[in-house]
Amino acid sequence: MRVRAALLVVSAILGAGCSDTLFYGESTEFNLAIHVNDNPQQPLEVNMGLKRHVGQVTPPVATAQNESRTAAVGEAVSTLSGFRLRYEENTANVLLGDLYIRTQFATGGAAAELAKNPIQAVKVMDAEFERDADFVSEASRRQRGEIVAGIRALEDAELTRLACEPPLSNAALIAEKDVNDPGCAKRADPAYARRYLIKYAYLDDRTEAAFAKWRSALQLE
């Protein structure tokens, strides 16, 4: 049987020193057992099993030095993770299909922000995000950086106005943009409005048409 199994080990460096390092790892094992019987009514018995291990060593948000060592202070760094399992059957033989496992996780500030937005948090835990190479291309990152810089430069009045009607292109984001702030009450606060716009600027589509909408709204040349 041909199986595509995943083994992912990721270490996210949050700062200098071992006490500030987050270690995250996953492993997947796939087992297949075939038993041939003498019984003509059930000549073949097949058992398949999937075993996953997920482990993490999480640093604290802050540390303090005491007489003997560095000790944790307060809470640990936030983490969200999830995976999706998909099996594509082979039309010629059900045992010769492909097994796919997608894993996504967020830590630190990203996880803390996602905790405030259940809709986006569920997308991470369900491993629904799919991005092509263009999404993280140098040109895409440059344009997104210019848009974020434009948001940071906005005056408070323009900032709060734009946050109530952000120039989004992604249909899912348009549908959810007011869920956590009906009536645009929270976005009347310039600090909240700026964080809100920057978050959606990163989440929105990264097509030329989407970039053009943001640049036009921000009056970027």
N, C-alpha and C. Protein backbone atom coordinates (compact mmCIF):
# COMPACT_ATOMS: atom_id res chain seq x y z
N MET A 1 0.85 -1.19 0.00
CA MET A 1 0.00 0.00 0.00
C MET A 1 0.88 1.24 0.00
N ARG A 2 0.49 2.22 -0.79
CA ARG A 2 1.25 3.46 -0.89
C ARG A 2 0.63 4.49 0.04
N VAL A 3 1.39 4.98 0.97
CA VAL A 3 0.87 5.90 1.99
C VAL A 3 1.75 7.13 2.05
N ARG A 4 1.11 8.28 2.12
CA ARG A 4 1.85 9.51 2.34
C ARG A 4 1.59 9.94 3.79
N ALA A 5 2.53 9.65 4.65
CA ALA A 5 2.39 9.99 6.07
C ALA A 5 3.27 11.18 6.38
N ALA A 6 2.92 11.91 7.41
CA ALA A 6 3.64 13.13 7.75
C ALA A 6 4.39 12.98 9.05
N LEU A 7 5.58 13.50 9.06
CA LEU A 7 6.33 13.62 10.30
C LEU A 7 6.83 15.04 10.37
N LEU A 8 6.30 15.79 11.31
CA LEU A 8 6.60 17.21 11.37
C LEU A 8 7.21 17.53 12.72
N VAL A 9 8.38 18.13 12.69
CA VAL A 9 8.98 18.61 13.93
C VAL A 9 9.36 20.06 13.71
N VAL A 10 8.80 20.94 14.51
CA VAL A 10 9.00 22.37 14.33
C VAL A 10 9.45 22.97 15.65
N SER A 11 10.47 23.78 15.63
CA SER A 11 10.84 24.54 16.82
C SER A 11 10.73 26.02 16.48
N ALA A 12 9.95 26.75 17.27
CA ALA A 12 9.73 28.17 17.04
C ALA A 12 10.56 28.95 18.04
N ILE A 13 11.48 29.73 17.56
CA ILE A 13 12.36 30.49 18.45
C ILE A 13 11.71 31.83 18.75
N LEU A 14 11.35 32.02 20.03
CA LEU A 14 10.67 33.24 20.43
C LEU A 14 11.64 34.29 20.97
N GLY A 15 12.86 33.92 21.25
CA GLY A 15 13.82 34.87 21.78
C GLY A 15 15.11 34.15 22.11
N ALA A 16 16.07 34.89 22.60
CA ALA A 16 17.36 34.30 22.92
C ALA A 16 17.25 33.51 24.22
N GLY A 17 18.03 32.43 24.33
CA GLY A 17 18.04 31.63 25.54
C GLY A 17 17.09 30.48 25.47
N CYS A 18 17.48 29.35 26.07
CA CYS A 18 16.67 28.14 25.96
C CYS A 18 15.33 28.29 26.65
N SER A 19 15.21 29.13 27.69
CA SER A 19 13.95 29.27 28.41
C SER A 19 12.88 29.97 27.58
N ASP A 20 13.27 30.60 26.47
CA ASP A 20 12.32 31.31 25.62
C ASP A 20 12.00 30.55 24.34
N THR A 21 12.38 29.29 24.28
CA THR A 21 12.21 28.52 23.05
C THR A 21 11.02 27.58 23.16
N LEU A 22 10.16 27.61 22.15
CA LEU A 22 9.03 26.69 22.08
C LEU A 22 9.38 25.55 21.15
N PHE A 23 9.18 24.32 21.62
CA PHE A 23 9.41 23.13 20.80
C PHE A 23 8.06 22.46 20.56
N TYR A 24 7.75 22.20 19.30
CA TYR A 24 6.47 21.58 18.93
C TYR A 24 6.77 20.45 17.97
N GLY A 25 6.22 19.27 18.23
CA GLY A 25 6.50 18.14 17.34
C GLY A 25 5.29 17.23 17.18
N GLU A 26 5.19 16.61 16.03
CA GLU A 26 4.13 15.64 15.75
C GLU A 26 4.73 14.46 15.01
N SER A 27 4.16 13.29 15.24
CA SER A 27 4.55 12.11 14.46
C SER A 27 3.30 11.31 14.14
N THR A 28 3.33 10.63 13.01
CA THR A 28 2.19 9.82 12.57
C THR A 28 2.69 8.44 12.19
N GLU A 29 2.00 7.41 12.68
CA GLU A 29 2.32 6.03 12.33
C GLU A 29 1.08 5.39 11.72
N PHE A 30 1.29 4.68 10.62
CA PHE A 30 0.20 3.99 9.95
C PHE A 30 0.50 2.51 9.91
N ASN A 31 -0.46 1.70 10.36
CA ASN A 31 -0.27 0.25 10.41
C ASN A 31 -1.35 -0.44 9.58
N LEU A 32 -0.93 -1.47 8.87
CA LEU A 32 -1.84 -2.25 8.03
C LEU A 32 -1.62 -3.74 8.31
N ALA A 33 -2.70 -4.45 8.64
CA ALA A 33 -2.61 -5.89 8.89
C ALA A 33 -3.61 -6.61 7.99
N ILE A 34 -3.14 -7.62 7.27
CA ILE A 34 -3.98 -8.41 6.37
C ILE A 34 -3.95 -9.87 6.83
N HIS A 35 -5.14 -10.43 7.05
CA HIS A 35 -5.24 -11.81 7.51
C HIS A 35 -6.08 -12.61 6.51
N VAL A 36 -5.51 -13.69 6.01
CA VAL A 36 -6.20 -14.55 5.05
C VAL A 36 -6.86 -15.70 5.81
N ASN A 37 -8.17 -15.86 5.60
CA ASN A 37 -8.94 -16.90 6.28
C ASN A 37 -9.25 -18.07 5.35
N ASP A 38 -9.52 -19.21 5.95
CA ASP A 38 -9.97 -20.38 5.19
C ASP A 38 -11.46 -20.33 4.91
N ASN A 39 -12.16 -19.46 5.64
CA ASN A 39 -13.61 -19.33 5.47
C ASN A 39 -13.93 -18.66 4.14
N PRO A 40 -14.62 -19.33 3.21
CA PRO A 40 -14.91 -18.71 1.91
C PRO A 40 -15.84 -17.50 2.01
N GLN A 41 -16.63 -17.40 3.11
CA GLN A 41 -17.52 -16.26 3.27
C GLN A 41 -16.77 -15.00 3.68
N GLN A 42 -15.60 -15.16 4.28
CA GLN A 42 -14.76 -14.01 4.66
C GLN A 42 -13.30 -14.38 4.42
N PRO A 43 -12.91 -14.45 3.17
CA PRO A 43 -11.56 -14.94 2.86
C PRO A 43 -10.45 -13.97 3.25
N LEU A 44 -10.79 -12.69 3.42
CA LEU A 44 -9.75 -11.70 3.69
C LEU A 44 -10.23 -10.73 4.77
N GLU A 45 -9.36 -10.48 5.73
CA GLU A 45 -9.67 -9.52 6.80
C GLU A 45 -8.55 -8.48 6.83
N VAL A 46 -8.94 -7.22 6.78
CA VAL A 46 -7.97 -6.13 6.74
C VAL A 46 -8.22 -5.18 7.90
N ASN A 47 -7.17 -4.87 8.66
CA ASN A 47 -7.24 -3.89 9.75
C ASN A 47 -6.24 -2.78 9.48
N MET A 48 -6.71 -1.54 9.57
CA MET A 48 -5.85 -0.38 9.37
C MET A 48 -5.93 0.51 10.61
N GLY A 49 -4.82 1.05 11.02
CA GLY A 49 -4.79 1.91 12.19
C GLY A 49 -3.87 3.10 11.99
N LEU A 50 -4.24 4.21 12.62
CA LEU A 50 -3.46 5.44 12.54
C LEU A 50 -3.17 5.91 13.96
N LYS A 51 -1.91 6.14 14.27
CA LYS A 51 -1.53 6.60 15.59
C LYS A 51 -0.77 7.92 15.47
N ARG A 52 -1.21 8.92 16.24
CA ARG A 52 -0.56 10.23 16.19
C ARG A 52 -0.08 10.62 17.58
N HIS A 53 1.08 11.25 17.62
CA HIS A 53 1.64 11.78 18.85
C HIS A 53 1.89 13.27 18.65
N VAL A 54 1.44 14.08 19.58
CA VAL A 54 1.67 15.52 19.54
C VAL A 54 2.30 15.92 20.87
N GLY A 55 3.41 16.63 20.81
CA GLY A 55 4.07 17.08 22.03
C GLY A 55 4.57 18.49 21.90
N GLN A 56 4.64 19.18 23.02
CA GLN A 56 5.10 20.56 23.00
C GLN A 56 5.76 20.92 24.32
N VAL A 57 6.86 21.61 24.23
CA VAL A 57 7.50 22.21 25.40
C VAL A 57 7.30 23.71 25.27
N THR A 58 6.53 24.27 26.19
CA THR A 58 6.08 25.65 26.06
C THR A 58 6.76 26.56 27.07
N PRO A 59 7.35 27.67 26.61
CA PRO A 59 7.99 28.60 27.54
C PRO A 59 6.95 29.49 28.23
N PRO A 60 7.30 30.09 29.34
CA PRO A 60 6.39 31.04 29.99
C PRO A 60 6.39 32.37 29.27
N VAL A 61 5.39 33.17 29.57
CA VAL A 61 5.34 34.51 28.99
C VAL A 61 6.50 35.35 29.51
N ALA A 62 6.84 35.15 30.78
CA ALA A 62 7.93 35.93 31.39
C ALA A 62 8.68 35.04 32.37
N THR A 63 9.93 35.42 32.65
CA THR A 63 10.75 34.69 33.62
C THR A 63 11.38 35.69 34.59
N ALA A 64 11.81 35.14 35.72
CA ALA A 64 12.51 35.96 36.72
C ALA A 64 13.65 35.14 37.30
N GLN A 65 14.71 35.81 37.62
CA GLN A 65 15.88 35.13 38.17
C GLN A 65 15.79 35.10 39.69
N ASN A 66 15.86 33.88 40.27
CA ASN A 66 15.92 33.79 41.73
C ASN A 66 17.32 33.36 42.14
N GLU A 67 17.47 32.90 43.37
CA GLU A 67 18.80 32.60 43.89
C GLU A 67 19.48 31.46 43.14
N SER A 68 18.68 30.48 42.69
CA SER A 68 19.30 29.28 42.10
C SER A 68 19.13 29.14 40.60
N ARG A 69 18.03 29.70 40.04
CA ARG A 69 17.77 29.46 38.62
C ARG A 69 16.78 30.48 38.08
N THR A 70 16.50 30.34 36.79
CA THR A 70 15.48 31.16 36.16
C THR A 70 14.13 30.47 36.32
N ALA A 71 13.16 31.17 36.86
CA ALA A 71 11.85 30.58 37.13
C ALA A 71 10.78 31.24 36.28
N ALA A 72 9.74 30.45 35.94
CA ALA A 72 8.62 30.96 35.15
C ALA A 72 7.79 31.93 35.99
N VAL A 73 7.28 32.95 35.30
CA VAL A 73 6.40 33.93 35.93
C VAL A 73 5.13 34.04 35.11
N GLY A 74 3.97 33.83 35.73
CA GLY A 74 2.71 34.00 35.02
C GLY A 74 2.38 32.83 34.13
N GLU A 75 1.65 33.10 33.06
CA GLU A 75 1.12 32.05 32.19
C GLU A 75 2.14 31.62 31.14
N ALA A 76 1.82 30.48 30.51
CA ALA A 76 2.65 30.00 29.41
C ALA A 76 2.23 30.67 28.10
N VAL A 77 3.08 30.57 27.09
CA VAL A 77 2.76 31.10 25.76
C VAL A 77 1.55 30.35 25.19
N SER A 78 0.64 31.08 24.55
CA SER A 78 -0.56 30.47 23.98
C SER A 78 -0.23 29.65 22.73
N THR A 79 -1.02 28.59 22.52
CA THR A 79 -0.85 27.74 21.34
C THR A 79 -2.19 27.20 20.88
N LEU A 80 -2.42 27.20 19.57
CA LEU A 80 -3.56 26.53 18.95
C LEU A 80 -3.02 25.60 17.88
N SER A 81 -3.58 24.40 17.79
CA SER A 81 -3.12 23.48 16.74
C SER A 81 -4.25 22.57 16.31
N GLY A 82 -4.10 21.99 15.14
CA GLY A 82 -5.10 21.06 14.63
C GLY A 82 -4.56 20.32 13.42
N PHE A 83 -5.25 19.27 13.02
CA PHE A 83 -4.83 18.54 11.84
C PHE A 83 -6.07 18.01 11.11
N ARG A 84 -5.88 17.69 9.85
CA ARG A 84 -6.96 17.15 9.01
C ARG A 84 -6.45 15.90 8.30
N LEU A 85 -7.26 14.86 8.36
CA LEU A 85 -6.93 13.58 7.74
C LEU A 85 -7.82 13.37 6.52
N ARG A 86 -7.21 13.00 5.39
CA ARG A 86 -7.99 12.75 4.17
C ARG A 86 -7.43 11.54 3.45
N TYR A 87 -8.32 10.65 3.03
CA TYR A 87 -7.91 9.45 2.32
C TYR A 87 -8.56 9.43 0.95
N GLU A 88 -7.75 9.34 -0.09
CA GLU A 88 -8.24 9.27 -1.46
C GLU A 88 -8.15 7.83 -1.95
N GLU A 89 -9.31 7.23 -2.20
CA GLU A 89 -9.34 5.84 -2.62
C GLU A 89 -8.83 5.67 -4.05
N ASN A 90 -8.22 4.53 -4.27
CA ASN A 90 -7.81 4.13 -5.60
C ASN A 90 -8.97 3.36 -6.23
N THR A 91 -9.41 3.78 -7.41
CA THR A 91 -10.57 3.14 -8.04
C THR A 91 -10.33 1.66 -8.37
N ALA A 92 -9.07 1.31 -8.57
CA ALA A 92 -8.75 -0.08 -8.90
C ALA A 92 -8.64 -0.96 -7.67
N ASN A 93 -8.18 -0.37 -6.56
CA ASN A 93 -7.98 -1.16 -5.34
C ASN A 93 -8.08 -0.23 -4.15
N VAL A 94 -9.02 -0.48 -3.25
CA VAL A 94 -9.26 0.39 -2.11
C VAL A 94 -8.05 0.47 -1.18
N LEU A 95 -7.18 -0.53 -1.22
CA LEU A 95 -6.00 -0.56 -0.36
C LEU A 95 -4.83 0.23 -0.92
N LEU A 96 -4.96 0.71 -2.13
CA LEU A 96 -3.84 1.41 -2.78
C LEU A 96 -4.10 2.90 -2.90
N GLY A 97 -4.86 3.46 -1.95
CA GLY A 97 -5.14 4.89 -1.98
C GLY A 97 -4.02 5.70 -1.34
N ASP A 98 -4.25 7.00 -1.26
CA ASP A 98 -3.27 7.93 -0.68
C ASP A 98 -3.85 8.53 0.59
N LEU A 99 -3.02 8.60 1.62
CA LEU A 99 -3.40 9.19 2.90
C LEU A 99 -2.69 10.53 3.05
N TYR A 100 -3.46 11.60 3.29
CA TYR A 100 -2.91 12.94 3.43
C TYR A 100 -3.20 13.46 4.83
N ILE A 101 -2.22 14.10 5.45
CA ILE A 101 -2.39 14.71 6.76
C ILE A 101 -1.89 16.15 6.68
N ARG A 102 -2.78 17.09 6.99
CA ARG A 102 -2.41 18.51 7.03
C ARG A 102 -2.35 18.96 8.49
N THR A 103 -1.31 19.69 8.83
CA THR A 103 -1.15 20.20 10.19
C THR A 103 -0.96 21.70 10.15
N GLN A 104 -1.61 22.39 11.08
CA GLN A 104 -1.42 23.83 11.23
C GLN A 104 -1.39 24.16 12.72
N PHE A 105 -0.54 25.12 13.09
CA PHE A 105 -0.58 25.58 14.47
C PHE A 105 -0.11 27.03 14.54
N ALA A 106 -0.54 27.70 15.60
CA ALA A 106 -0.16 29.09 15.83
C ALA A 106 0.27 29.21 17.29
N THR A 107 1.26 30.06 17.54
CA THR A 107 1.76 30.23 18.90
C THR A 107 1.90 31.71 19.22
N GLY A 108 2.15 31.98 20.50
CA GLY A 108 2.47 33.34 20.93
C GLY A 108 1.38 34.34 20.64
N GLY A 109 1.79 35.50 20.13
CA GLY A 109 0.86 36.59 19.84
C GLY A 109 -0.20 36.20 18.83
N ALA A 110 0.19 35.37 17.83
CA ALA A 110 -0.79 34.94 16.82
C ALA A 110 -1.90 34.12 17.46
N ALA A 111 -1.53 33.20 18.36
CA ALA A 111 -2.54 32.38 19.04
C ALA A 111 -3.42 33.22 19.96
N ALA A 112 -2.82 34.19 20.63
CA ALA A 112 -3.59 35.06 21.52
C ALA A 112 -4.63 35.87 20.74
N GLU A 113 -4.24 36.35 19.56
CA GLU A 113 -5.20 37.09 18.73
C GLU A 113 -6.29 36.17 18.19
N LEU A 114 -5.92 34.96 17.80
CA LEU A 114 -6.90 34.00 17.29
C LEU A 114 -7.91 33.62 18.37
N ALA A 115 -7.47 33.60 19.62
CA ALA A 115 -8.38 33.25 20.72
C ALA A 115 -9.51 34.27 20.84
N LYS A 116 -9.29 35.47 20.34
CA LYS A 116 -10.33 36.51 20.37
C LYS A 116 -11.27 36.40 19.17
N ASN A 117 -10.91 35.56 18.21
CA ASN A 117 -11.69 35.43 16.98
C ASN A 117 -11.96 33.95 16.73
N PRO A 118 -13.03 33.40 17.32
CA PRO A 118 -13.29 31.96 17.22
C PRO A 118 -13.41 31.45 15.78
N ILE A 119 -13.93 32.27 14.88
CA ILE A 119 -14.10 31.82 13.49
C ILE A 119 -12.75 31.50 12.86
N GLN A 120 -11.78 32.39 13.05
CA GLN A 120 -10.45 32.15 12.50
C GLN A 120 -9.72 31.05 13.27
N ALA A 121 -9.94 30.97 14.59
CA ALA A 121 -9.29 29.93 15.38
C ALA A 121 -9.71 28.54 14.92
N VAL A 122 -11.00 28.38 14.61
CA VAL A 122 -11.49 27.08 14.14
C VAL A 122 -10.84 26.72 12.81
N LYS A 123 -10.58 27.70 11.96
CA LYS A 123 -9.94 27.42 10.67
C LYS A 123 -8.53 26.86 10.88
N VAL A 124 -7.83 27.37 11.89
CA VAL A 124 -6.50 26.84 12.19
C VAL A 124 -6.61 25.42 12.73
N MET A 125 -7.52 25.21 13.68
CA MET A 125 -7.64 23.89 14.29
C MET A 125 -8.17 22.84 13.32
N ASP A 126 -8.96 23.28 12.32
CA ASP A 126 -9.45 22.35 11.30
C ASP A 126 -8.49 22.22 10.13
N ALA A 127 -7.39 22.97 10.17
CA ALA A 127 -6.38 22.96 9.10
C ALA A 127 -7.02 23.27 7.75
N GLU A 128 -7.80 24.34 7.69
CA GLU A 128 -8.51 24.71 6.47
C GLU A 128 -7.74 25.68 5.59
N PHE A 129 -6.71 26.33 6.13
CA PHE A 129 -5.98 27.31 5.33
C PHE A 129 -5.18 26.61 4.24
N GLU A 130 -5.35 27.07 3.02
CA GLU A 130 -4.57 26.56 1.90
C GLU A 130 -4.03 27.76 1.12
N ARG A 131 -2.74 27.85 1.00
CA ARG A 131 -2.12 28.98 0.35
C ARG A 131 -1.14 28.47 -0.71
N ASP A 132 -1.14 29.13 -1.87
CA ASP A 132 -0.18 28.76 -2.90
C ASP A 132 1.09 29.58 -2.73
N ALA A 133 2.05 29.32 -3.60
CA ALA A 133 3.35 29.98 -3.48
C ALA A 133 3.24 31.48 -3.66
N ASP A 134 2.29 31.96 -4.46
CA ASP A 134 2.14 33.39 -4.68
C ASP A 134 1.77 34.14 -3.41
N PHE A 135 1.10 33.44 -2.47
CA PHE A 135 0.64 34.10 -1.25
C PHE A 135 1.82 34.59 -0.41
N VAL A 136 2.94 33.88 -0.47
CA VAL A 136 4.11 34.26 0.32
C VAL A 136 5.26 34.72 -0.56
N SER A 137 4.97 35.06 -1.80
CA SER A 137 6.03 35.52 -2.71
C SER A 137 6.58 36.86 -2.23
N GLU A 138 7.75 37.20 -2.71
CA GLU A 138 8.37 38.47 -2.33
C GLU A 138 7.51 39.65 -2.73
N ALA A 139 6.92 39.62 -3.93
CA ALA A 139 6.07 40.72 -4.39
C ALA A 139 4.83 40.87 -3.51
N SER A 140 4.25 39.73 -3.12
CA SER A 140 3.07 39.76 -2.26
C SER A 140 3.41 40.34 -0.90
N ARG A 141 4.51 39.89 -0.31
CA ARG A 141 4.90 40.38 1.00
C ARG A 141 5.25 41.86 0.96
N ARG A 142 5.85 42.31 -0.15
CA ARG A 142 6.19 43.73 -0.27
C ARG A 142 4.93 44.59 -0.31
N GLN A 143 3.96 44.18 -1.15
CA GLN A 143 2.74 44.96 -1.25
C GLN A 143 1.96 44.96 0.06
N ARG A 144 1.90 43.79 0.72
CA ARG A 144 1.20 43.74 2.01
C ARG A 144 1.89 44.63 3.03
N GLY A 145 3.22 44.67 3.00
CA GLY A 145 3.95 45.55 3.91
C GLY A 145 3.64 47.01 3.67
N GLU A 146 3.52 47.41 2.40
CA GLU A 146 3.19 48.79 2.07
C GLU A 146 1.78 49.14 2.56
N ILE A 147 0.87 48.19 2.44
CA ILE A 147 -0.51 48.42 2.89
C ILE A 147 -0.56 48.58 4.41
N VAL A 148 0.16 47.73 5.12
CA VAL A 148 0.20 47.84 6.58
C VAL A 148 0.82 49.17 7.01
N ALA A 149 1.88 49.58 6.32
CA ALA A 149 2.49 50.87 6.62
C ALA A 149 1.49 52.00 6.38
N GLY A 150 0.68 51.87 5.32
CA GLY A 150 -0.35 52.88 5.05
C GLY A 150 -1.40 52.94 6.15
N ILE A 151 -1.76 51.78 6.68
CA ILE A 151 -2.73 51.73 7.79
C ILE A 151 -2.15 52.42 9.02
N ARG A 152 -0.90 52.16 9.31
CA ARG A 152 -0.27 52.77 10.49
C ARG A 152 -0.17 54.28 10.38
N ALA A 153 -0.12 54.79 9.15
CA ALA A 153 0.04 56.23 8.94
C ALA A 153 -1.29 56.99 8.94
N LEU A 154 -2.41 56.29 8.96
CA LEU A 154 -3.72 56.96 8.89
C LEU A 154 -3.99 57.80 10.13
N GLU A 155 -4.65 58.94 9.93
CA GLU A 155 -5.15 59.73 11.05
C GLU A 155 -6.32 58.99 11.70
N ASP A 156 -6.58 59.30 12.96
CA ASP A 156 -7.58 58.56 13.73
C ASP A 156 -8.96 58.56 13.07
N ALA A 157 -9.40 59.70 12.57
CA ALA A 157 -10.75 59.79 12.00
C ALA A 157 -10.88 58.90 10.76
N GLU A 158 -9.88 58.93 9.90
CA GLU A 158 -9.90 58.10 8.69
C GLU A 158 -9.74 56.63 9.05
N LEU A 159 -8.95 56.38 10.07
CA LEU A 159 -8.71 55.00 10.52
C LEU A 159 -10.01 54.35 10.98
N THR A 160 -10.76 55.01 11.81
CA THR A 160 -12.01 54.43 12.33
C THR A 160 -13.07 54.32 11.24
N ARG A 161 -13.08 55.27 10.31
CA ARG A 161 -14.04 55.20 9.21
C ARG A 161 -13.75 53.99 8.32
N LEU A 162 -12.48 53.78 7.97
CA LEU A 162 -12.12 52.69 7.08
C LEU A 162 -12.33 51.34 7.77
N ALA A 163 -12.11 51.29 9.08
CA ALA A 163 -12.27 50.02 9.79
C ALA A 163 -13.72 49.54 9.77
N CYS A 164 -14.67 50.46 9.68
CA CYS A 164 -16.07 50.05 9.60
C CYS A 164 -16.43 49.46 8.24
N GLU A 165 -15.72 49.85 7.21
CA GLU A 165 -15.95 49.31 5.87
C GLU A 165 -14.61 48.99 5.21
N PRO A 166 -13.92 47.98 5.70
CA PRO A 166 -12.61 47.65 5.14
C PRO A 166 -12.73 47.16 3.69
N PRO A 167 -11.75 47.47 2.86
CA PRO A 167 -11.82 47.12 1.42
C PRO A 167 -11.48 45.65 1.17
N LEU A 168 -12.29 44.76 1.72
CA LEU A 168 -12.00 43.33 1.62
C LEU A 168 -12.44 42.75 0.28
N SER A 169 -11.73 41.69 -0.14
CA SER A 169 -12.09 40.96 -1.36
C SER A 169 -12.53 39.54 -1.06
N ASN A 170 -12.03 38.97 0.02
CA ASN A 170 -12.35 37.59 0.39
C ASN A 170 -13.78 37.51 0.91
N ALA A 171 -14.60 36.66 0.30
CA ALA A 171 -16.02 36.57 0.65
C ALA A 171 -16.23 36.13 2.09
N ALA A 172 -15.43 35.19 2.57
CA ALA A 172 -15.59 34.70 3.95
C ALA A 172 -15.28 35.81 4.96
N LEU A 173 -14.26 36.63 4.67
CA LEU A 173 -13.92 37.72 5.57
C LEU A 173 -14.99 38.79 5.56
N ILE A 174 -15.57 39.05 4.39
CA ILE A 174 -16.64 40.04 4.30
C ILE A 174 -17.84 39.60 5.14
N ALA A 175 -18.13 38.31 5.12
CA ALA A 175 -19.27 37.79 5.86
C ALA A 175 -19.07 37.86 7.37
N GLU A 176 -17.83 37.80 7.83
CA GLU A 176 -17.57 37.74 9.27
C GLU A 176 -17.07 39.03 9.88
N LYS A 177 -16.82 40.06 9.07
CA LYS A 177 -16.11 41.25 9.55
C LYS A 177 -16.82 41.97 10.69
N ASP A 178 -18.14 41.82 10.80
CA ASP A 178 -18.88 42.52 11.85
C ASP A 178 -19.33 41.59 12.98
N VAL A 179 -18.95 40.31 12.91
CA VAL A 179 -19.46 39.33 13.88
C VAL A 179 -19.08 39.70 15.31
N ASN A 180 -17.82 40.06 15.53
CA ASN A 180 -17.36 40.38 16.88
C ASN A 180 -17.51 41.84 17.24
N ASP A 181 -18.02 42.64 16.32
CA ASP A 181 -18.20 44.08 16.59
C ASP A 181 -19.41 44.61 15.84
N PRO A 182 -20.60 44.13 16.18
CA PRO A 182 -21.81 44.62 15.50
C PRO A 182 -22.02 46.10 15.79
N GLY A 183 -22.36 46.83 14.74
CA GLY A 183 -22.56 48.26 14.90
C GLY A 183 -21.28 49.07 14.88
N CYS A 184 -20.14 48.39 14.73
CA CYS A 184 -18.84 49.05 14.62
C CYS A 184 -18.49 49.85 15.88
N ALA A 185 -18.97 49.41 17.03
CA ALA A 185 -18.73 50.14 18.28
C ALA A 185 -17.27 50.08 18.72
N LYS A 186 -16.68 48.88 18.68
CA LYS A 186 -15.29 48.74 19.12
C LYS A 186 -14.34 49.50 18.20
N ARG A 187 -14.68 49.55 16.92
CA ARG A 187 -13.80 50.18 15.94
C ARG A 187 -13.81 51.70 16.01
N ALA A 188 -14.61 52.24 16.92
CA ALA A 188 -14.55 53.69 17.17
C ALA A 188 -13.28 54.06 17.93
N ASP A 189 -12.64 53.07 18.55
CA ASP A 189 -11.37 53.26 19.23
C ASP A 189 -10.24 53.13 18.21
N PRO A 190 -9.46 54.19 17.98
CA PRO A 190 -8.42 54.14 16.93
C PRO A 190 -7.42 52.99 17.12
N ALA A 191 -7.04 52.70 18.36
CA ALA A 191 -6.07 51.62 18.58
C ALA A 191 -6.66 50.28 18.16
N TYR A 192 -7.92 50.05 18.51
CA TYR A 192 -8.59 48.80 18.11
C TYR A 192 -8.77 48.77 16.59
N ALA A 193 -9.16 49.90 16.01
CA ALA A 193 -9.39 49.97 14.56
C ALA A 193 -8.11 49.67 13.79
N ARG A 194 -6.99 50.15 14.29
CA ARG A 194 -5.72 49.90 13.60
C ARG A 194 -5.38 48.41 13.64
N ARG A 195 -5.51 47.78 14.81
CA ARG A 195 -5.24 46.34 14.91
C ARG A 195 -6.20 45.54 14.03
N TYR A 196 -7.44 45.97 13.99
CA TYR A 196 -8.47 45.30 13.19
C TYR A 196 -8.11 45.35 11.71
N LEU A 197 -7.75 46.52 11.21
CA LEU A 197 -7.41 46.67 9.79
C LEU A 197 -6.16 45.89 9.42
N ILE A 198 -5.15 45.93 10.27
CA ILE A 198 -3.92 45.21 9.98
C ILE A 198 -4.18 43.71 9.92
N LYS A 199 -4.99 43.20 10.85
CA LYS A 199 -5.31 41.77 10.85
C LYS A 199 -5.99 41.37 9.55
N TYR A 200 -6.99 42.14 9.12
CA TYR A 200 -7.71 41.78 7.91
C TYR A 200 -6.90 42.05 6.64
N ALA A 201 -5.98 42.97 6.71
CA ALA A 201 -5.08 43.18 5.56
C ALA A 201 -4.22 41.95 5.33
N TYR A 202 -3.81 41.30 6.41
CA TYR A 202 -3.01 40.08 6.28
C TYR A 202 -3.86 38.89 5.85
N LEU A 203 -5.11 38.81 6.32
CA LEU A 203 -5.95 37.66 6.01
C LEU A 203 -6.59 37.74 4.63
N ASP A 204 -6.71 38.92 4.07
CA ASP A 204 -7.44 39.09 2.81
C ASP A 204 -6.70 38.44 1.65
N ASP A 205 -7.40 38.31 0.52
CA ASP A 205 -6.80 37.73 -0.69
C ASP A 205 -5.56 38.51 -1.10
N ARG A 206 -4.63 37.82 -1.72
CA ARG A 206 -3.41 38.47 -2.18
C ARG A 206 -3.33 38.39 -3.70
N THR A 207 -4.33 38.97 -4.32
CA THR A 207 -4.37 39.11 -5.77
C THR A 207 -4.14 40.57 -6.12
N GLU A 208 -3.82 40.83 -7.38
CA GLU A 208 -3.60 42.22 -7.79
C GLU A 208 -4.87 43.06 -7.58
N ALA A 209 -6.04 42.45 -7.85
CA ALA A 209 -7.30 43.19 -7.66
C ALA A 209 -7.52 43.52 -6.18
N ALA A 210 -7.20 42.57 -5.30
CA ALA A 210 -7.37 42.82 -3.86
C ALA A 210 -6.39 43.88 -3.37
N PHE A 211 -5.13 43.80 -3.83
CA PHE A 211 -4.16 44.81 -3.47
C PHE A 211 -4.61 46.20 -3.93
N ALA A 212 -5.18 46.26 -5.14
CA ALA A 212 -5.61 47.54 -5.70
C ALA A 212 -6.71 48.16 -4.84
N LYS A 213 -7.63 47.36 -4.31
CA LYS A 213 -8.70 47.88 -3.46
C LYS A 213 -8.13 48.51 -2.19
N TRP A 214 -7.18 47.83 -1.58
CA TRP A 214 -6.57 48.37 -0.37
C TRP A 214 -5.77 49.64 -0.67
N ARG A 215 -5.00 49.62 -1.75
CA ARG A 215 -4.19 50.78 -2.09
C ARG A 215 -5.07 51.99 -2.40
N SER A 216 -6.19 51.75 -3.07
CA SER A 216 -7.10 52.84 -3.39
C SER A 216 -7.73 53.41 -2.11
N ALA A 217 -8.15 52.53 -1.22
CA ALA A 217 -8.77 52.99 0.03
C ALA A 217 -7.79 53.77 0.90
N LEU A 218 -6.50 53.39 0.84
CA LEU A 218 -5.48 54.04 1.63
C LEU A 218 -4.82 55.21 0.89
N GLN A 219 -5.24 55.42 -0.37
CA GLN A 219 -4.69 56.49 -1.22
C GLN A 219 -3.18 56.36 -1.35
N LEU A 220 -2.76 55.12 -1.63
CA LEU A 220 -1.34 54.87 -1.86
C LEU A 220 -1.05 54.96 -3.35
N GLU A 221 0.00 55.64 -3.70
CA GLU A 221 0.39 55.78 -5.11
C GLU A 221 1.20 54.57 -5.55
